[in-house]
C-alpha atoms as a PDB file:
ATOM      1  CA  UNK A   1     109.103  -1.766 -39.629  1.00  0.00           C
ATOM      2  CA  UNK A   2     111.557  -4.561 -40.412  1.00  0.00           C
ATOM      3  CA  UNK A   3     115.086  -4.540 -39.018  1.00  0.00           C
ATOM      4  CA  UNK A   4     116.822  -3.918 -42.360  1.00  0.00           C
ATOM      5  CA  UNK A   5     114.677  -0.816 -42.923  1.00  0.00           C
ATOM      6  CA  UNK A   6     115.547   0.411 -39.419  1.00  0.00           C
ATOM      7  CA  UNK A   7     119.246   0.007 -40.253  1.00  0.00           C
ATOM      8  CA  UNK A   8     118.815   1.948 -43.508  1.00  0.00           C
ATOM      9  CA  UNK A   9     116.924   4.757 -41.747  1.00  0.00           C
ATOM     10  CA  UNK A  10     119.486   5.033 -38.928  1.00  0.00           C
ATOM     11  CA  UNK A  11     122.366   5.068 -41.418  1.00  0.00           C
ATOM     12  CA  UNK A  12     120.643   7.870 -43.332  1.00  0.00           C
ATOM     13  CA  UNK A  13     120.303   9.916 -40.131  1.00  0.00           C
ATOM     14  CA  UNK A  14     123.942   9.354 -39.173  1.00  0.00           C
ATOM     15  CA  UNK A  15     125.147  10.379 -42.624  1.00  0.00           C
ATOM     16  CA  UNK A  16     123.338  13.722 -42.170  1.00  0.00           C
ATOM     17  CA  UNK A  17     125.984  14.518 -39.554  1.00  0.00           C
ATOM     18  CA  UNK A  18     128.715  13.868 -42.116  1.00  0.00           C
ATOM     19  CA  UNK A  19     129.750  10.627 -40.461  1.00  0.00           C
ATOM     20  CA  UNK A  20     131.256   7.964 -42.682  1.00  0.00           C
ATOM     21  CA  UNK A  21     129.925   4.441 -42.036  1.00  0.00           C
ATOM     22  CA  UNK A  22     132.163   1.477 -42.743  1.00  0.00           C
ATOM     23  CA  UNK A  23     131.053  -2.147 -42.560  1.00  0.00           C
ATOM     24  CA  UNK A  24     134.179  -4.177 -41.839  1.00  0.00           C
ATOM     25  CA  UNK A  25     134.685  -7.771 -40.753  1.00  0.00           C
ATOM     26  CA  UNK A  26     136.297  -7.575 -37.320  1.00  0.00           C
ATOM     27  CA  UNK A  27     138.413 -10.614 -36.518  1.00  0.00           C
ATOM     28  CA  UNK A  28     137.871 -11.893 -33.011  1.00  0.00           C
ATOM     29  CA  UNK A  29     139.270 -14.728 -30.972  1.00  0.00           C
ATOM     30  CA  UNK A  30     136.841 -17.099 -29.310  1.00  0.00           C
ATOM     31  CA  UNK A  31     138.019 -15.894 -25.905  1.00  0.00           C
ATOM     32  CA  UNK A  32     137.619 -12.175 -26.646  1.00  0.00           C
ATOM     33  CA  UNK A  33     134.552 -10.062 -26.008  1.00  0.00           C
ATOM     34  CA  UNK A  34     132.086  -9.588 -28.848  1.00  0.00           C
ATOM     35  CA  UNK A  35     133.051  -6.396 -30.707  1.00  0.00           C
ATOM     36  CA  UNK A  36     130.196  -4.989 -32.740  1.00  0.00           C
ATOM     37  CA  UNK A  37     131.828  -1.701 -33.682  1.00  0.00           C
ATOM     38  CA  UNK A  38     131.744   1.893 -32.642  1.00  0.00           C
ATOM     39  CA  UNK A  39     132.391   5.512 -33.400  1.00  0.00           C
ATOM     40  CA  UNK A  40     135.951   6.780 -33.726  1.00  0.00           C
ATOM     41  CA  UNK A  41     137.754   9.922 -34.775  1.00  0.00           C
ATOM     42  CA  UNK A  42     140.062   9.237 -37.712  1.00  0.00           C
ATOM     43  CA  UNK A  43     142.184  12.085 -39.092  1.00  0.00           C
ATOM     44  CA  UNK A  44     139.738  14.628 -37.699  1.00  0.00           C
ATOM     45  CA  UNK A  45     136.633  12.940 -39.142  1.00  0.00           C
ATOM     46  CA  UNK A  46     134.094  10.786 -37.335  1.00  0.00           C
ATOM     47  CA  UNK A  47     133.861   7.241 -38.683  1.00  0.00           C
ATOM     48  CA  UNK A  48     131.409   4.601 -37.517  1.00  0.00           C
ATOM     49  CA  UNK A  49     132.800   1.111 -37.933  1.00  0.00           C
ATOM     50  CA  UNK A  50     130.298  -1.735 -37.787  1.00  0.00           C
ATOM     51  CA  UNK A  51     131.283  -5.381 -37.697  1.00  0.00           C
ATOM     52  CA  UNK A  52     129.792  -6.787 -40.890  1.00  0.00           C
ATOM     53  CA  UNK A  53     129.492 -10.170 -39.153  1.00  0.00           C
ATOM     54  CA  UNK A  54     127.449  -8.821 -36.227  1.00  0.00           C
ATOM     55  CA  UNK A  55     123.814  -9.752 -35.661  1.00  0.00           C
ATOM     56  CA  UNK A  56     121.253  -7.299 -37.044  1.00  0.00           C
ATOM     57  CA  UNK A  57     120.056  -6.270 -33.575  1.00  0.00           C
ATOM     58  CA  UNK A  58     123.657  -5.518 -32.551  1.00  0.00           C
ATOM     59  CA  UNK A  59     124.109  -3.386 -35.663  1.00  0.00           C
ATOM     60  CA  UNK A  60     120.928  -1.452 -34.830  1.00  0.00           C
ATOM     61  CA  UNK A  61     122.142  -0.834 -31.275  1.00  0.00           C
ATOM     62  CA  UNK A  62     125.568   0.317 -32.535  1.00  0.00           C
ATOM     63  CA  UNK A  63     123.949   2.734 -34.992  1.00  0.00           C
ATOM     64  CA  UNK A  64     121.625   4.050 -32.290  1.00  0.00           C
ATOM     65  CA  UNK A  65     124.439   4.547 -29.802  1.00  0.00           C
ATOM     66  CA  UNK A  66     126.476   6.433 -32.397  1.00  0.00           C
ATOM     67  CA  UNK A  67     123.533   8.686 -33.211  1.00  0.00           C
ATOM     68  CA  UNK A  68     123.034   9.488 -29.526  1.00  0.00           C
ATOM     69  CA  UNK A  69     126.492  11.131 -29.475  1.00  0.00           C
ATOM     70  CA  UNK A  70     125.136  13.977 -31.617  1.00  0.00           C
ATOM     71  CA  UNK A  71     122.336  16.520 -31.255  1.00  0.00           C
ATOM     72  CA  UNK A  72     119.559  14.659 -33.026  1.00  0.00           C
ATOM     73  CA  UNK A  73     116.643  16.155 -31.087  1.00  0.00           C
ATOM     74  CA  UNK A  74     115.712  18.691 -33.786  1.00  0.00           C
ATOM     75  CA  UNK A  75     115.949  16.265 -36.690  1.00  0.00           C
ATOM     76  CA  UNK A  76     112.756  14.685 -37.935  1.00  0.00           C
ATOM     77  CA  UNK A  77     112.719  10.924 -37.714  1.00  0.00           C
ATOM     78  CA  UNK A  78     110.002   8.332 -37.736  1.00  0.00           C
ATOM     79  CA  UNK A  79     108.402   7.796 -34.314  1.00  0.00           C
ATOM     80  CA  UNK A  80     109.574   4.167 -34.226  1.00  0.00           C
ATOM     81  CA  UNK A  81     113.183   5.369 -34.556  1.00  0.00           C
ATOM     82  CA  UNK A  82     112.698   8.025 -31.861  1.00  0.00           C
ATOM     83  CA  UNK A  83     111.312   5.339 -29.529  1.00  0.00           C
ATOM     84  CA  UNK A  84     114.263   3.087 -30.283  1.00  0.00           C
ATOM     85  CA  UNK A  85     116.720   5.894 -29.460  1.00  0.00           C
ATOM     86  CA  UNK A  86     114.853   6.681 -26.239  1.00  0.00           C
ATOM     87  CA  UNK A  87     115.594   3.123 -25.042  1.00  0.00           C
ATOM     88  CA  UNK A  88     119.346   3.521 -25.611  1.00  0.00           C
ATOM     89  CA  UNK A  89     121.319   5.094 -22.735  1.00  0.00           C
ATOM     90  CA  UNK A  90     122.528   8.650 -23.290  1.00  0.00           C
ATOM     91  CA  UNK A  91     126.031   8.980 -24.694  1.00  0.00           C
ATOM     92  CA  UNK A  92     128.586  11.755 -24.288  1.00  0.00           C
ATOM     93  CA  UNK A  93     127.724  14.462 -26.812  1.00  0.00           C
ATOM     94  CA  UNK A  94     130.286  15.132 -29.534  1.00  0.00           C
ATOM     95  CA  UNK A  95     130.607  18.513 -31.204  1.00  0.00           C
ATOM     96  CA  UNK A  96     130.907  18.612 -34.983  1.00  0.00           C
ATOM     97  CA  UNK A  97     133.308  21.074 -36.649  1.00  0.00           C
ATOM     98  CA  UNK A  98     130.535  23.512 -37.659  1.00  0.00           C
ATOM     99  CA  UNK A  99     129.092  23.453 -34.154  1.00  0.00           C
ATOM    100  CA  UNK A 100     132.564  24.062 -32.705  1.00  0.00           C
ATOM    101  CA  UNK A 101     132.929  27.249 -34.780  1.00  0.00           C
ATOM    102  CA  UNK A 102     129.502  28.367 -33.612  1.00  0.00           C
ATOM    103  CA  UNK A 103     130.483  27.771 -29.967  1.00  0.00           C
ATOM    104  CA  UNK A 104     133.700  29.768 -30.410  1.00  0.00           C
ATOM    105  CA  UNK A 105     131.760  32.675 -31.917  1.00  0.00           C
ATOM    106  CA  UNK A 106     129.222  32.519 -29.084  1.00  0.00           C
ATOM    107  CA  UNK A 107     131.995  32.526 -26.481  1.00  0.00           C
ATOM    108  CA  UNK A 108     133.624  35.603 -28.073  1.00  0.00           C
ATOM    109  CA  UNK A 109     130.409  37.590 -27.716  1.00  0.00           C
ATOM    110  CA  UNK A 110     129.768  36.279 -24.211  1.00  0.00           C
ATOM    111  CA  UNK A 111     126.918  33.863 -24.908  1.00  0.00           C
ATOM    112  CA  UNK A 112     127.174  30.734 -22.780  1.00  0.00           C
ATOM    113  CA  UNK A 113     126.182  27.328 -24.093  1.00  0.00           C
ATOM    114  CA  UNK A 114     124.479  25.200 -21.475  1.00  0.00           C
ATOM    115  CA  UNK A 115     124.666  21.495 -22.237  1.00  0.00           C
END
């Protein structure tokens, strides 16, 4: 699978979580570290910002790292994408709004969520 197709597939998976993806040119000084992008919380919504000037492999890694913040284990994805995600270090799990409501309901009835 070519790298552009991998990017398209990863973006499709991320959008399933309701995450907005923005490709923005990030200005950087020569002396600064290379910023590829990342996931942020903006006005209560998750937004993934990707440096539009970044190398394709860096974009793929940024997309993969963002996806690893969410529970993607039960979502079907092509085996090549699953293998790619398995090579990326685990990230702190984020809870989406719908999942948060489910956790609150579970706590009220005494069901514990083990993460």
